[in-house]
Amino acid sequence: MERFFFYGTLQRGGFYYHQCNLAQRARYLCDDTVTGALFDCGEYPALVRNANGSVHGEVFELLDPTLLAAIDAVEDYRPDQPKLSEYLRVPATTAGGIAVWTYVYNRPVTGLRPLSSGRWRPPAR
């Protein structure tokens, strides 16, 4: 089964966690971190590869094989057109040693606010 590291709207309680019905279609495994830097895009965060920081998130195991296409759509990942994708799905290893897939930002971060804590929370409504 595929394991994923989510650090934004797909985390428990997040908008797309509910929209994609992750409570029924995936199993939460643990909190963990991956190496990288996090930026605030407003309604969602952007993870970029960076050897100097840690990004906090949650590890899930997909239970429903059709969930992958839904998550790719949420992340605007187009496997057949990666250059047009806002995010790319890439393999990573968490600090806890878990092999996962995660989504990294595929755009320049110029003008985005860095989140030095490595944590993202949705904006208050």
PDB file of N, CA and C in Angstrom:
ATOM      1  N   MET A   1       0.839  -1.182   0.000  1.00  0.00           N
ATOM      2  CA  MET A   1       0.000   0.000   0.000  1.00  0.00           C
ATOM      3  C   MET A   1       0.881   1.242   0.000  1.00  0.00           C
ATOM      4  N   GLU A   2       0.406   2.259  -0.675  1.00  0.00           N
ATOM      5  CA  GLU A   2       1.164   3.501  -0.801  1.00  0.00           C
ATOM      6  C   GLU A   2       1.073   4.318   0.485  1.00  0.00           C
ATOM      7  N   ARG A   3       2.211   4.906   0.870  1.00  0.00           N
ATOM      8  CA  ARG A   3       2.246   5.797   2.027  1.00  0.00           C
ATOM      9  C   ARG A   3       2.564   7.207   1.552  1.00  0.00           C
ATOM     10  N   PHE A   4       1.918   8.170   2.192  1.00  0.00           N
ATOM     11  CA  PHE A   4       2.066   9.571   1.810  1.00  0.00           C
ATOM     12  C   PHE A   4       2.368  10.432   3.020  1.00  0.00           C
ATOM     13  N   PHE A   5       3.108  11.501   2.779  1.00  0.00           N
ATOM     14  CA  PHE A   5       3.370  12.529   3.780  1.00  0.00           C
ATOM     15  C   PHE A   5       2.587  13.766   3.362  1.00  0.00           C
ATOM     16  N   PHE A   6       1.625  14.177   4.195  1.00  0.00           N
ATOM     17  CA  PHE A   6       0.810  15.361   3.930  1.00  0.00           C
ATOM     18  C   PHE A   6       1.163  16.447   4.936  1.00  0.00           C
ATOM     19  N   TYR A   7       1.294  17.668   4.472  1.00  0.00           N
ATOM     20  CA  TYR A   7       1.724  18.782   5.323  1.00  0.00           C
ATOM     21  C   TYR A   7       0.814  19.999   5.222  1.00  0.00           C
ATOM     22  N   GLY A   8      -0.315  19.859   4.521  1.00  0.00           N
ATOM     23  CA  GLY A   8      -1.199  21.008   4.316  1.00  0.00           C
ATOM     24  C   GLY A   8      -2.658  20.632   4.443  1.00  0.00           C
ATOM     25  N   THR A   9      -3.422  20.929   3.410  1.00  0.00           N
ATOM     26  CA  THR A   9      -4.877  20.768   3.452  1.00  0.00           C
ATOM     27  C   THR A   9      -5.344  19.312   3.475  1.00  0.00           C
ATOM     28  N   LEU A  10      -4.433  18.364   3.263  1.00  0.00           N
ATOM     29  CA  LEU A  10      -4.791  16.942   3.333  1.00  0.00           C
ATOM     30  C   LEU A  10      -4.543  16.347   4.721  1.00  0.00           C
ATOM     31  N   GLN A  11      -4.000  17.147   5.649  1.00  0.00           N
ATOM     32  CA  GLN A  11      -3.816  16.671   7.015  1.00  0.00           C
ATOM     33  C   GLN A  11      -5.177  16.518   7.700  1.00  0.00           C
ATOM     34  N   ARG A  12      -5.202  15.741   8.768  1.00  0.00           N
ATOM     35  CA  ARG A  12      -6.442  15.555   9.526  1.00  0.00           C
ATOM     36  C   ARG A  12      -7.025  16.919   9.894  1.00  0.00           C
ATOM     37  N   GLY A  13      -8.298  17.080   9.638  1.00  0.00           N
ATOM     38  CA  GLY A  13      -8.971  18.337   9.922  1.00  0.00           C
ATOM     39  C   GLY A  13      -8.902  19.347   8.790  1.00  0.00           C
ATOM     40  N   GLY A  14      -8.063  19.098   7.798  1.00  0.00           N
ATOM     41  CA  GLY A  14      -7.915  20.019   6.676  1.00  0.00           C
ATOM     42  C   GLY A  14      -9.071  19.918   5.691  1.00  0.00           C
ATOM     43  N   PHE A  15      -9.212  20.941   4.877  1.00  0.00           N
ATOM     44  CA  PHE A  15     -10.318  21.002   3.916  1.00  0.00           C
ATOM     45  C   PHE A  15     -10.352  19.772   3.015  1.00  0.00           C
ATOM     46  N   TYR A  16      -9.227  19.422   2.394  1.00  0.00           N
ATOM     47  CA  TYR A  16      -9.225  18.293   1.461  1.00  0.00           C
ATOM     48  C   TYR A  16      -9.178  16.939   2.162  1.00  0.00           C
ATOM     49  N   TYR A  17      -8.792  16.922   3.429  1.00  0.00           N
ATOM     50  CA  TYR A  17      -8.921  15.690   4.211  1.00  0.00           C
ATOM     51  C   TYR A  17     -10.393  15.268   4.210  1.00  0.00           C
ATOM     52  N   HIS A  18     -11.269  16.256   4.413  1.00  0.00           N
ATOM     53  CA  HIS A  18     -12.710  15.973   4.433  1.00  0.00           C
ATOM     54  C   HIS A  18     -13.252  15.768   3.023  1.00  0.00           C
ATOM     55  N   GLN A  19     -12.849  16.625   2.086  1.00  0.00           N
ATOM     56  CA  GLN A  19     -13.345  16.532   0.713  1.00  0.00           C
ATOM     57  C   GLN A  19     -13.015  15.183   0.070  1.00  0.00           C
ATOM     58  N   CYS A  20     -11.838  14.661   0.358  1.00  0.00           N
ATOM     59  CA  CYS A  20     -11.402  13.375  -0.217  1.00  0.00           C
ATOM     60  C   CYS A  20     -11.792  12.185   0.652  1.00  0.00           C
ATOM     61  N   ASN A  21     -12.455  12.452   1.791  1.00  0.00           N
ATOM     62  CA  ASN A  21     -12.903  11.400   2.701  1.00  0.00           C
ATOM     63  C   ASN A  21     -11.741  10.504   3.143  1.00  0.00           C
ATOM     64  N   LEU A  22     -10.643  11.159   3.536  1.00  0.00           N
ATOM     65  CA  LEU A  22      -9.465  10.388   3.946  1.00  0.00           C
ATOM     66  C   LEU A  22      -9.717   9.551   5.194  1.00  0.00           C
ATOM     67  N   ALA A  23     -10.643   9.955   6.034  1.00  0.00           N
ATOM     68  CA  ALA A  23     -10.933   9.174   7.240  1.00  0.00           C
ATOM     69  C   ALA A  23     -11.363   7.754   6.889  1.00  0.00           C
ATOM     70  N   GLN A  24     -12.014   7.580   5.735  1.00  0.00           N
ATOM     71  CA  GLN A  24     -12.481   6.266   5.300  1.00  0.00           C
ATOM     72  C   GLN A  24     -11.556   5.614   4.278  1.00  0.00           C
ATOM     73  N   ARG A  25     -10.808   6.438   3.542  1.00  0.00           N
ATOM     74  CA  ARG A  25     -10.049   5.925   2.398  1.00  0.00           C
ATOM     75  C   ARG A  25      -8.545   5.814   2.642  1.00  0.00           C
ATOM     76  N   ALA A  26      -8.099   6.271   3.826  1.00  0.00           N
ATOM     77  CA  ALA A  26      -6.677   6.198   4.173  1.00  0.00           C
ATOM     78  C   ALA A  26      -6.565   5.990   5.678  1.00  0.00           C
ATOM     79  N   ARG A  27      -5.406   5.519   6.107  1.00  0.00           N
ATOM     80  CA  ARG A  27      -5.181   5.307   7.536  1.00  0.00           C
ATOM     81  C   ARG A  27      -4.048   6.208   8.003  1.00  0.00           C
ATOM     82  N   TYR A  28      -4.322   7.025   9.019  1.00  0.00           N
ATOM     83  CA  TYR A  28      -3.296   7.855   9.636  1.00  0.00           C
ATOM     84  C   TYR A  28      -2.312   6.937  10.351  1.00  0.00           C
ATOM     85  N   LEU A  29      -1.017   7.141  10.120  1.00  0.00           N
ATOM     86  CA  LEU A  29       0.003   6.324  10.780  1.00  0.00           C
ATOM     87  C   LEU A  29       0.706   7.080  11.899  1.00  0.00           C
ATOM     88  N   CYS A  30       1.161   8.316  11.623  1.00  0.00           N
ATOM     89  CA  CYS A  30       1.910   9.054  12.633  1.00  0.00           C
ATOM     90  C   CYS A  30       2.208  10.475  12.161  1.00  0.00           C
ATOM     91  N   ASP A  31       2.597  11.312  13.104  1.00  0.00           N
ATOM     92  CA  ASP A  31       3.188  12.603  12.776  1.00  0.00           C
ATOM     93  C   ASP A  31       4.656  12.351  12.480  1.00  0.00           C
ATOM     94  N   ASP A  32       5.237  13.134  11.579  1.00  0.00           N
ATOM     95  CA  ASP A  32       6.646  12.954  11.229  1.00  0.00           C
ATOM     96  C   ASP A  32       7.124  14.220  10.531  1.00  0.00           C
ATOM     97  N   THR A  33       8.352  14.218  10.089  1.00  0.00           N
ATOM     98  CA  THR A  33       8.906  15.346   9.340  1.00  0.00           C
ATOM     99  C   THR A  33       9.662  14.830   8.126  1.00  0.00           C
ATOM    100  N   VAL A  34       9.793  15.713   7.133  1.00  0.00           N
ATOM    101  CA  VAL A  34      10.670  15.464   5.993  1.00  0.00           C
ATOM    102  C   VAL A  34      11.600  16.661   5.861  1.00  0.00           C
ATOM    103  N   THR A  35      12.712  16.446   5.203  1.00  0.00           N
ATOM    104  CA  THR A  35      13.662  17.522   4.962  1.00  0.00           C
ATOM    105  C   THR A  35      13.109  18.444   3.888  1.00  0.00           C
ATOM    106  N   GLY A  36      13.179  19.745   4.155  1.00  0.00           N
ATOM    107  CA  GLY A  36      12.706  20.710   3.174  1.00  0.00           C
ATOM    108  C   GLY A  36      12.422  22.050   3.806  1.00  0.00           C
ATOM    109  N   ALA A  37      11.865  22.937   3.014  1.00  0.00           N
ATOM    110  CA  ALA A  37      11.444  24.258   3.478  1.00  0.00           C
ATOM    111  C   ALA A  37       9.986  24.441   3.092  1.00  0.00           C
ATOM    112  N   LEU A  38       9.260  25.181   3.925  1.00  0.00           N
ATOM    113  CA  LEU A  38       7.832  25.374   3.711  1.00  0.00           C
ATOM    114  C   LEU A  38       7.542  26.853   3.481  1.00  0.00           C
ATOM    115  N   PHE A  39       6.654  27.125   2.530  1.00  0.00           N
ATOM    116  CA  PHE A  39       6.253  28.488   2.198  1.00  0.00           C
ATOM    117  C   PHE A  39       4.734  28.583   2.242  1.00  0.00           C
ATOM    118  N   ASP A  40       4.241  29.777   2.578  1.00  0.00           N
ATOM    119  CA  ASP A  40       2.808  30.013   2.689  1.00  0.00           C
ATOM    120  C   ASP A  40       2.273  30.589   1.389  1.00  0.00           C
ATOM    121  N   CYS A  41       1.371  29.851   0.747  1.00  0.00           N
ATOM    122  CA  CYS A  41       0.710  30.320  -0.481  1.00  0.00           C
ATOM    123  C   CYS A  41      -0.655  30.931  -0.166  1.00  0.00           C
ATOM    124  N   GLY A  42      -0.986  31.065   1.105  1.00  0.00           N
ATOM    125  CA  GLY A  42      -2.283  31.609   1.511  1.00  0.00           C
ATOM    126  C   GLY A  42      -3.236  30.510   1.913  1.00  0.00           C
ATOM    127  N   GLU A  43      -3.901  29.920   0.955  1.00  0.00           N
ATOM    128  CA  GLU A  43      -4.881  28.863   1.230  1.00  0.00           C
ATOM    129  C   GLU A  43      -4.239  27.487   1.386  1.00  0.00           C
ATOM    130  N   TYR A  44      -2.961  27.388   1.070  1.00  0.00           N
ATOM    131  CA  TYR A  44      -2.251  26.112   1.161  1.00  0.00           C
ATOM    132  C   TYR A  44      -0.749  26.394   1.217  1.00  0.00           C
ATOM    133  N   PRO A  45       0.043  25.403   1.648  1.00  0.00           N
ATOM    134  CA  PRO A  45       1.491  25.587   1.735  1.00  0.00           C
ATOM    135  C   PRO A  45       2.220  25.009   0.524  1.00  0.00           C
ATOM    136  N   ALA A  46       3.500  25.342   0.441  1.00  0.00           N
ATOM    137  CA  ALA A  46       4.363  24.819  -0.622  1.00  0.00           C
ATOM    138  C   ALA A  46       5.629  24.254   0.012  1.00  0.00           C
ATOM    139  N   LEU A  47       5.911  22.998  -0.255  1.00  0.00           N
ATOM    140  CA  LEU A  47       7.136  22.338   0.198  1.00  0.00           C
ATOM    141  C   LEU A  47       8.156  22.379  -0.926  1.00  0.00           C
ATOM    142  N   VAL A  48       9.369  22.808  -0.592  1.00  0.00           N
ATOM    143  CA  VAL A  48      10.462  22.751  -1.564  1.00  0.00           C
ATOM    144  C   VAL A  48      11.598  21.946  -0.950  1.00  0.00           C
ATOM    145  N   ARG A  49      12.326  21.282  -1.810  1.00  0.00           N
ATOM    146  CA  ARG A  49      13.468  20.495  -1.329  1.00  0.00           C
ATOM    147  C   ARG A  49      14.549  21.442  -0.849  1.00  0.00           C
ATOM    148  N   ASN A  50      15.061  21.158   0.333  1.00  0.00           N
ATOM    149  CA  ASN A  50      16.057  22.008   0.963  1.00  0.00           C
ATOM    150  C   ASN A  50      16.671  21.185   2.084  1.00  0.00           C
ATOM    151  N   ALA A  51      17.973  21.070   2.089  1.00  0.00           N
ATOM    152  CA  ALA A  51      18.640  20.216   3.073  1.00  0.00           C
ATOM    153  C   ALA A  51      18.738  20.860   4.452  1.00  0.00           C
ATOM    154  N   ASN A  52      18.295  22.093   4.590  1.00  0.00           N
ATOM    155  CA  ASN A  52      18.521  22.818   5.839  1.00  0.00           C
ATOM    156  C   ASN A  52      17.354  22.830   6.813  1.00  0.00           C
ATOM    157  N   GLY A  53      16.180  22.407   6.405  1.00  0.00           N
ATOM    158  CA  GLY A  53      15.028  22.531   7.287  1.00  0.00           C
ATOM    159  C   GLY A  53      14.235  21.255   7.431  1.00  0.00           C
ATOM    160  N   SER A  54      13.210  21.343   8.282  1.00  0.00           N
ATOM    161  CA  SER A  54      12.285  20.229   8.492  1.00  0.00           C
ATOM    162  C   SER A  54      10.864  20.725   8.313  1.00  0.00           C
ATOM    163  N   VAL A  55      10.066  19.926   7.647  1.00  0.00           N
ATOM    164  CA  VAL A  55       8.654  20.227   7.444  1.00  0.00           C
ATOM    165  C   VAL A  55       7.847  19.194   8.222  1.00  0.00           C
ATOM    166  N   HIS A  56       6.929  19.691   9.037  1.00  0.00           N
ATOM    167  CA  HIS A  56       6.093  18.830   9.870  1.00  0.00           C
ATOM    168  C   HIS A  56       4.821  18.446   9.125  1.00  0.00           C
ATOM    169  N   GLY A  57       4.405  17.202   9.316  1.00  0.00           N
ATOM    170  CA  GLY A  57       3.182  16.744   8.672  1.00  0.00           C
ATOM    171  C   GLY A  57       2.747  15.405   9.227  1.00  0.00           C
ATOM    172  N   GLU A  58       1.923  14.724   8.452  1.00  0.00           N
ATOM    173  CA  GLU A  58       1.336  13.459   8.871  1.00  0.00           C
ATOM    174  C   GLU A  58       1.543  12.394   7.801  1.00  0.00           C
ATOM    175  N   VAL A  59       1.786  11.174   8.243  1.00  0.00           N
ATOM    176  CA  VAL A  59       1.969  10.043   7.334  1.00  0.00           C
ATOM    177  C   VAL A  59       0.672   9.233   7.294  1.00  0.00           C
ATOM    178  N   PHE A  60       0.243   8.943   6.075  1.00  0.00           N
ATOM    179  CA  PHE A  60      -0.965   8.153   5.844  1.00  0.00           C
ATOM    180  C   PHE A  60      -0.643   6.988   4.922  1.00  0.00           C
ATOM    181  N   GLU A  61      -1.419   5.928   5.071  1.00  0.00           N
ATOM    182  CA  GLU A  61      -1.374   4.803   4.147  1.00  0.00           C
ATOM    183  C   GLU A  61      -2.704   4.785   3.397  1.00  0.00           C
ATOM    184  N   LEU A  62      -2.638   4.786   2.073  1.00  0.00           N
ATOM    185  CA  LEU A  62      -3.864   4.768   1.275  1.00  0.00           C
ATOM    186  C   LEU A  62      -4.498   3.385   1.341  1.00  0.00           C
ATOM    187  N   LEU A  63      -5.792   3.345   1.577  1.00  0.00           N
ATOM    188  CA  LEU A  63      -6.539   2.089   1.621  1.00  0.00           C
ATOM    189  C   LEU A  63      -7.343   1.866   0.349  1.00  0.00           C
ATOM    190  N   ASP A  64      -7.653   2.957  -0.342  1.00  0.00           N
ATOM    191  CA  ASP A  64      -8.471   2.924  -1.549  1.00  0.00           C
ATOM    192  C   ASP A  64      -7.593   3.288  -2.743  1.00  0.00           C
ATOM    193  N   PRO A  65      -7.374   2.362  -3.686  1.00  0.00           N
ATOM    194  CA  PRO A  65      -6.482   2.648  -4.811  1.00  0.00           C
ATOM    195  C   PRO A  65      -6.964   3.791  -5.707  1.00  0.00           C
ATOM    196  N   THR A  66      -8.255   4.107  -5.676  1.00  0.00           N
ATOM    197  CA  THR A  66      -8.753   5.216  -6.503  1.00  0.00           C
ATOM    198  C   THR A  66      -8.447   6.576  -5.876  1.00  0.00           C
ATOM    199  N   LEU A  67      -7.992   6.578  -4.638  1.00  0.00           N
ATOM    200  CA  LEU A  67      -7.692   7.833  -3.948  1.00  0.00           C
ATOM    201  C   LEU A  67      -6.507   8.567  -4.573  1.00  0.00           C
ATOM    202  N   LEU A  68      -5.573   7.839  -5.139  1.00  0.00           N
ATOM    203  CA  LEU A  68      -4.378   8.466  -5.710  1.00  0.00           C
ATOM    204  C   LEU A  68      -4.740   9.509  -6.762  1.00  0.00           C
ATOM    205  N   ALA A  69      -5.649   9.194  -7.654  1.00  0.00           N
ATOM    206  CA  ALA A  69      -6.048  10.150  -8.698  1.00  0.00           C
ATOM    207  C   ALA A  69      -6.696  11.384  -8.089  1.00  0.00           C
ATOM    208  N   ALA A  70      -7.481  11.210  -7.043  1.00  0.00           N
ATOM    209  CA  ALA A  70      -8.128  12.352  -6.385  1.00  0.00           C
ATOM    210  C   ALA A  70      -7.095  13.255  -5.722  1.00  0.00           C
ATOM    211  N   ILE A  71      -6.108  12.654  -5.069  1.00  0.00           N
ATOM    212  CA  ILE A  71      -5.067  13.448  -4.409  1.00  0.00           C
ATOM    213  C   ILE A  71      -4.202  14.156  -5.447  1.00  0.00           C
ATOM    214  N   ASP A  72      -3.853  13.471  -6.515  1.00  0.00           N
ATOM    215  CA  ASP A  72      -3.097  14.121  -7.593  1.00  0.00           C
ATOM    216  C   ASP A  72      -3.855  15.339  -8.119  1.00  0.00           C
ATOM    217  N   ALA A  73      -5.170  15.231  -8.255  1.00  0.00           N
ATOM    218  CA  ALA A  73      -5.978  16.354  -8.745  1.00  0.00           C
ATOM    219  C   ALA A  73      -5.966  17.511  -7.750  1.00  0.00           C
ATOM    220  N   VAL A  74      -6.087  17.211  -6.461  1.00  0.00           N
ATOM    221  CA  VAL A  74      -6.024  18.248  -5.427  1.00  0.00           C
ATOM    222  C   VAL A  74      -4.706  19.008  -5.531  1.00  0.00           C
ATOM    223  N   GLU A  75      -3.623  18.295  -5.753  1.00  0.00           N
ATOM    224  CA  GLU A  75      -2.289  18.892  -5.805  1.00  0.00           C
ATOM    225  C   GLU A  75      -1.930  19.430  -7.190  1.00  0.00           C
ATOM    226  N   ASP A  76      -2.850  19.358  -8.122  1.00  0.00           N
ATOM    227  CA  ASP A  76      -2.612  19.784  -9.506  1.00  0.00           C
ATOM    228  C   ASP A  76      -1.355  19.113 -10.062  1.00  0.00           C
ATOM    229  N   TYR A  77      -1.238  17.814  -9.779  1.00  0.00           N
ATOM    230  CA  TYR A  77      -0.138  17.024 -10.331  1.00  0.00           C
ATOM    231  C   TYR A  77      -0.657  16.284 -11.551  1.00  0.00           C
ATOM    232  N   ARG A  78       0.002  16.508 -12.671  1.00  0.00           N
ATOM    233  CA  ARG A  78      -0.368  15.872 -13.938  1.00  0.00           C
ATOM    234  C   ARG A  78       0.777  14.952 -14.361  1.00  0.00           C
ATOM    235  N   PRO A  79       0.670  13.666 -14.074  1.00  0.00           N
ATOM    236  CA  PRO A  79       1.771  12.750 -14.383  1.00  0.00           C
ATOM    237  C   PRO A  79       2.215  12.801 -15.838  1.00  0.00           C
ATOM    238  N   ASP A  80       1.283  13.062 -16.743  1.00  0.00           N
ATOM    239  CA  ASP A  80       1.621  13.090 -18.164  1.00  0.00           C
ATOM    240  C   ASP A  80       2.131  14.458 -18.625  1.00  0.00           C
ATOM    241  N   GLN A  81       2.026  15.483 -17.766  1.00  0.00           N
ATOM    242  CA  GLN A  81       2.497  16.826 -18.103  1.00  0.00           C
ATOM    243  C   GLN A  81       3.145  17.478 -16.881  1.00  0.00           C
ATOM    244  N   PRO A  82       4.260  16.944 -16.395  1.00  0.00           N
ATOM    245  CA  PRO A  82       4.845  17.463 -15.159  1.00  0.00           C
ATOM    246  C   PRO A  82       5.217  18.943 -15.214  1.00  0.00           C
ATOM    247  N   LYS A  83       5.617  19.447 -16.366  1.00  0.00           N
ATOM    248  CA  LYS A  83       5.997  20.863 -16.450  1.00  0.00           C
ATOM    249  C   LYS A  83       4.814  21.788 -16.193  1.00  0.00           C
ATOM    250  N   LEU A  84       3.601  21.316 -16.450  1.00  0.00           N
ATOM    251  CA  LEU A  84       2.401  22.119 -16.220  1.00  0.00           C
ATOM    252  C   LEU A  84       1.836  21.936 -14.813  1.00  0.00           C
ATOM    253  N   SER A  85       2.387  21.006 -14.055  1.00  0.00           N
ATOM    254  CA  SER A  85       1.890  20.691 -12.718  1.00  0.00           C
ATOM    255  C   SER A  85       2.318  21.751 -11.709  1.00  0.00           C
ATOM    256  N   GLU A  86       1.395  22.092 -10.797  1.00  0.00           N
ATOM    257  CA  GLU A  86       1.771  23.005  -9.713  1.00  0.00           C
ATOM    258  C   GLU A  86       2.650  22.282  -8.699  1.00  0.00           C
ATOM    259  N   TYR A  87       2.389  21.004  -8.497  1.00  0.00           N
ATOM    260  CA  TYR A  87       3.175  20.171  -7.584  1.00  0.00           C
ATOM    261  C   TYR A  87       3.612  18.913  -8.323  1.00  0.00           C
ATOM    262  N   LEU A  88       4.708  18.337  -7.849  1.00  0.00           N
ATOM    263  CA  LEU A  88       5.188  17.056  -8.362  1.00  0.00           C
ATOM    264  C   LEU A  88       5.122  16.034  -7.237  1.00  0.00           C
ATOM    265  N   ARG A  89       4.698  14.828  -7.546  1.00  0.00           N
ATOM    266  CA  ARG A  89       4.697  13.742  -6.560  1.00  0.00           C
ATOM    267  C   ARG A  89       6.069  13.091  -6.594  1.00  0.00           C
ATOM    268  N   VAL A  90       6.759  13.093  -5.448  1.00  0.00           N
ATOM    269  CA  VAL A  90       8.130  12.591  -5.397  1.00  0.00           C
ATOM    270  C   VAL A  90       8.303  11.654  -4.201  1.00  0.00           C
ATOM    271  N   PRO A  91       9.240  10.711  -4.303  1.00  0.00           N
ATOM    272  CA  PRO A  91       9.529   9.861  -3.149  1.00  0.00           C
ATOM    273  C   PRO A  91      10.358  10.627  -2.122  1.00  0.00           C
ATOM    274  N   ALA A  92      10.153  10.289  -0.861  1.00  0.00           N
ATOM    275  CA  ALA A  92      10.912  10.898   0.232  1.00  0.00           C
ATOM    276  C   ALA A  92      11.003   9.881   1.361  1.00  0.00           C
ATOM    277  N   THR A  93      11.866  10.166   2.299  1.00  0.00           N
ATOM    278  CA  THR A  93      11.967   9.359   3.511  1.00  0.00           C
ATOM    279  C   THR A  93      11.803  10.293   4.697  1.00  0.00           C
ATOM    280  N   THR A  94      10.917   9.952   5.606  1.00  0.00           N
ATOM    281  CA  THR A  94      10.679  10.796   6.774  1.00  0.00           C
ATOM    282  C   THR A  94      11.833  10.655   7.766  1.00  0.00           C
ATOM    283  N   ALA A  95      11.863  11.559   8.738  1.00  0.00           N
ATOM    284  CA  ALA A  95      12.875  11.484   9.794  1.00  0.00           C
ATOM    285  C   ALA A  95      12.762  10.169  10.555  1.00  0.00           C
ATOM    286  N   GLY A  96      11.552   9.617  10.611  1.00  0.00           N
ATOM    287  CA  GLY A  96      11.324   8.335  11.275  1.00  0.00           C
ATOM    288  C   GLY A  96      11.661   7.127  10.417  1.00  0.00           C
ATOM    289  N   GLY A  97      12.179   7.367   9.203  1.00  0.00           N
ATOM    290  CA  GLY A  97      12.614   6.282   8.332  1.00  0.00           C
ATOM    291  C   GLY A  97      11.526   5.652   7.477  1.00  0.00           C
ATOM    292  N   ILE A  98      10.391   6.317   7.328  1.00  0.00           N
ATOM    293  CA  ILE A  98       9.287   5.771   6.537  1.00  0.00           C
ATOM    294  C   ILE A  98       9.401   6.246   5.093  1.00  0.00           C
ATOM    295  N   ALA A  99       9.369   5.320   4.152  1.00  0.00           N
ATOM    296  CA  ALA A  99       9.373   5.667   2.725  1.00  0.00           C
ATOM    297  C   ALA A  99       7.968   6.137   2.353  1.00  0.00           C
ATOM    298  N   VAL A 100       7.886   7.343   1.807  1.00  0.00           N
ATOM    299  CA  VAL A 100       6.598   7.960   1.481  1.00  0.00           C
ATOM    300  C   VAL A 100       6.674   8.637   0.121  1.00  0.00           C
ATOM    301  N   TRP A 101       5.503   9.005  -0.365  1.00  0.00           N
ATOM    302  CA  TRP A 101       5.372   9.949  -1.461  1.00  0.00           C
ATOM    303  C   TRP A 101       4.956  11.268  -0.832  1.00  0.00           C
ATOM    304  N   THR A 102       5.404  12.364  -1.421  1.00  0.00           N
ATOM    305  CA  THR A 102       4.931  13.680  -1.005  1.00  0.00           C
ATOM    306  C   THR A 102       4.886  14.572  -2.230  1.00  0.00           C
ATOM    307  N   TYR A 103       4.340  15.756  -2.060  1.00  0.00           N
ATOM    308  CA  TYR A 103       4.202  16.686  -3.182  1.00  0.00           C
ATOM    309  C   TYR A 103       5.084  17.900  -2.940  1.00  0.00           C
ATOM    310  N   VAL A 104       5.953  18.194  -3.909  1.00  0.00           N
ATOM    311  CA  VAL A 104       6.826  19.365  -3.818  1.00  0.00           C
ATOM    312  C   VAL A 104       6.364  20.409  -4.828  1.00  0.00           C
ATOM    313  N   TYR A 105       6.529  21.653  -4.439  1.00  0.00           N
ATOM    314  CA  TYR A 105       6.090  22.788  -5.251  1.00  0.00           C
ATOM    315  C   TYR A 105       6.921  22.871  -6.518  1.00  0.00           C
ATOM    316  N   ASN A 106       6.264  23.095  -7.640  1.00  0.00           N
ATOM    317  CA  ASN A 106       6.911  23.100  -8.951  1.00  0.00           C
ATOM    318  C   ASN A 106       6.883  24.500  -9.571  1.00  0.00           C
ATOM    319  N   ARG A 107       6.895  25.516  -8.719  1.00  0.00           N
ATOM    320  CA  ARG A 107       6.877  26.908  -9.164  1.00  0.00           C
ATOM    321  C   ARG A 107       7.929  27.684  -8.367  1.00  0.00           C
ATOM    322  N   PRO A 108       8.298  28.874  -8.833  1.00  0.00           N
ATOM    323  CA  PRO A 108       9.211  29.710  -8.033  1.00  0.00           C
ATOM    324  C   PRO A 108       8.531  30.138  -6.727  1.00  0.00           C
ATOM    325  N   VAL A 109       9.314  30.255  -5.675  1.00  0.00           N
ATOM    326  CA  VAL A 109       8.769  30.679  -4.380  1.00  0.00           C
ATOM    327  C   VAL A 109       9.009  32.166  -4.127  1.00  0.00           C
ATOM    328  N   THR A 110       9.507  32.876  -5.113  1.00  0.00           N
ATOM    329  CA  THR A 110       9.729  34.311  -4.992  1.00  0.00           C
ATOM    330  C   THR A 110       8.433  34.993  -4.562  1.00  0.00           C
ATOM    331  N   GLY A 111       8.508  35.774  -3.497  1.00  0.00           N
ATOM    332  CA  GLY A 111       7.336  36.491  -3.008  1.00  0.00           C
ATOM    333  C   GLY A 111       6.490  35.721  -2.015  1.00  0.00           C
ATOM    334  N   LEU A 112       6.738  34.433  -1.843  1.00  0.00           N
ATOM    335  CA  LEU A 112       5.995  33.647  -0.855  1.00  0.00           C
ATOM    336  C   LEU A 112       6.658  33.790   0.511  1.00  0.00           C
ATOM    337  N   ARG A 113       5.841  33.794   1.560  1.00  0.00           N
ATOM    338  CA  ARG A 113       6.366  33.937   2.919  1.00  0.00           C
ATOM    339  C   ARG A 113       6.901  32.592   3.414  1.00  0.00           C
ATOM    340  N   PRO A 114       8.194  32.563   3.810  1.00  0.00           N
ATOM    341  CA  PRO A 114       8.730  31.314   4.362  1.00  0.00           C
ATOM    342  C   PRO A 114       8.126  31.027   5.741  1.00  0.00           C
ATOM    343  N   LEU A 115       7.901  29.760   6.017  1.00  0.00           N
ATOM    344  CA  LEU A 115       7.397  29.324   7.323  1.00  0.00           C
ATOM    345  C   LEU A 115       8.544  28.635   8.045  1.00  0.00           C
ATOM    346  N   SER A 116       9.298  29.412   8.803  1.00  0.00           N
ATOM    347  CA  SER A 116      10.513  28.885   9.428  1.00  0.00           C
ATOM    348  C   SER A 116      10.223  27.785  10.440  1.00  0.00           C
ATOM    349  N   SER A 117       8.993  27.741  10.968  1.00  0.00           N
ATOM    350  CA  SER A 117       8.627  26.688  11.919  1.00  0.00           C
ATOM    351  C   SER A 117       8.473  25.338  11.230  1.00  0.00           C
ATOM    352  N   GLY A 118       8.302  25.367   9.891  1.00  0.00           N
ATOM    353  CA  GLY A 118       8.064  24.126   9.163  1.00  0.00           C
ATOM    354  C   GLY A 118       6.656  23.593   9.328  1.00  0.00           C
ATOM    355  N   ARG A 119       5.774  24.432   9.882  1.00  0.00           N
ATOM    356  CA  ARG A 119       4.374  24.033  10.103  1.00  0.00           C
ATOM    357  C   ARG A 119       3.451  25.011   9.390  1.00  0.00           C
ATOM    358  N   TRP A 120       2.375  24.473   8.806  1.00  0.00           N
ATOM    359  CA  TRP A 120       1.369  25.309   8.159  1.00  0.00           C
ATOM    360  C   TRP A 120       0.032  25.074   8.825  1.00  0.00           C
ATOM    361  N   ARG A 121      -0.693  26.146   9.012  1.00  0.00           N
ATOM    362  CA  ARG A 121      -2.062  26.064   9.518  1.00  0.00           C
ATOM    363  C   ARG A 121      -2.946  26.863   8.574  1.00  0.00           C
ATOM    364  N   PRO A 122      -4.171  26.415   8.337  1.00  0.00           N
ATOM    365  CA  PRO A 122      -5.051  27.163   7.432  1.00  0.00           C
ATOM    366  C   PRO A 122      -5.340  28.558   7.974  1.00  0.00           C
ATOM    367  N   PRO A 123      -5.564  29.512   7.068  1.00  0.00           N
ATOM    368  CA  PRO A 123      -5.882  30.870   7.523  1.00  0.00           C
ATOM    369  C   PRO A 123      -7.207  30.894   8.279  1.00  0.00           C
ATOM    370  N   ALA A 124      -7.299  31.786   9.253  1.00  0.00           N
ATOM    371  CA  ALA A 124      -8.538  31.925  10.029  1.00  0.00           C
ATOM    372  C   ALA A 124      -9.641  32.468   9.131  1.00  0.00           C
ATOM    373  N   ARG A 125     -10.826  31.983   9.333  1.00  0.00           N
ATOM    374  CA  ARG A 125     -11.974  32.434   8.522  1.00  0.00           C
ATOM    375  C   ARG A 125     -12.852  33.353   9.336  1.00  0.00           C
TER     376      ARG A 125
END
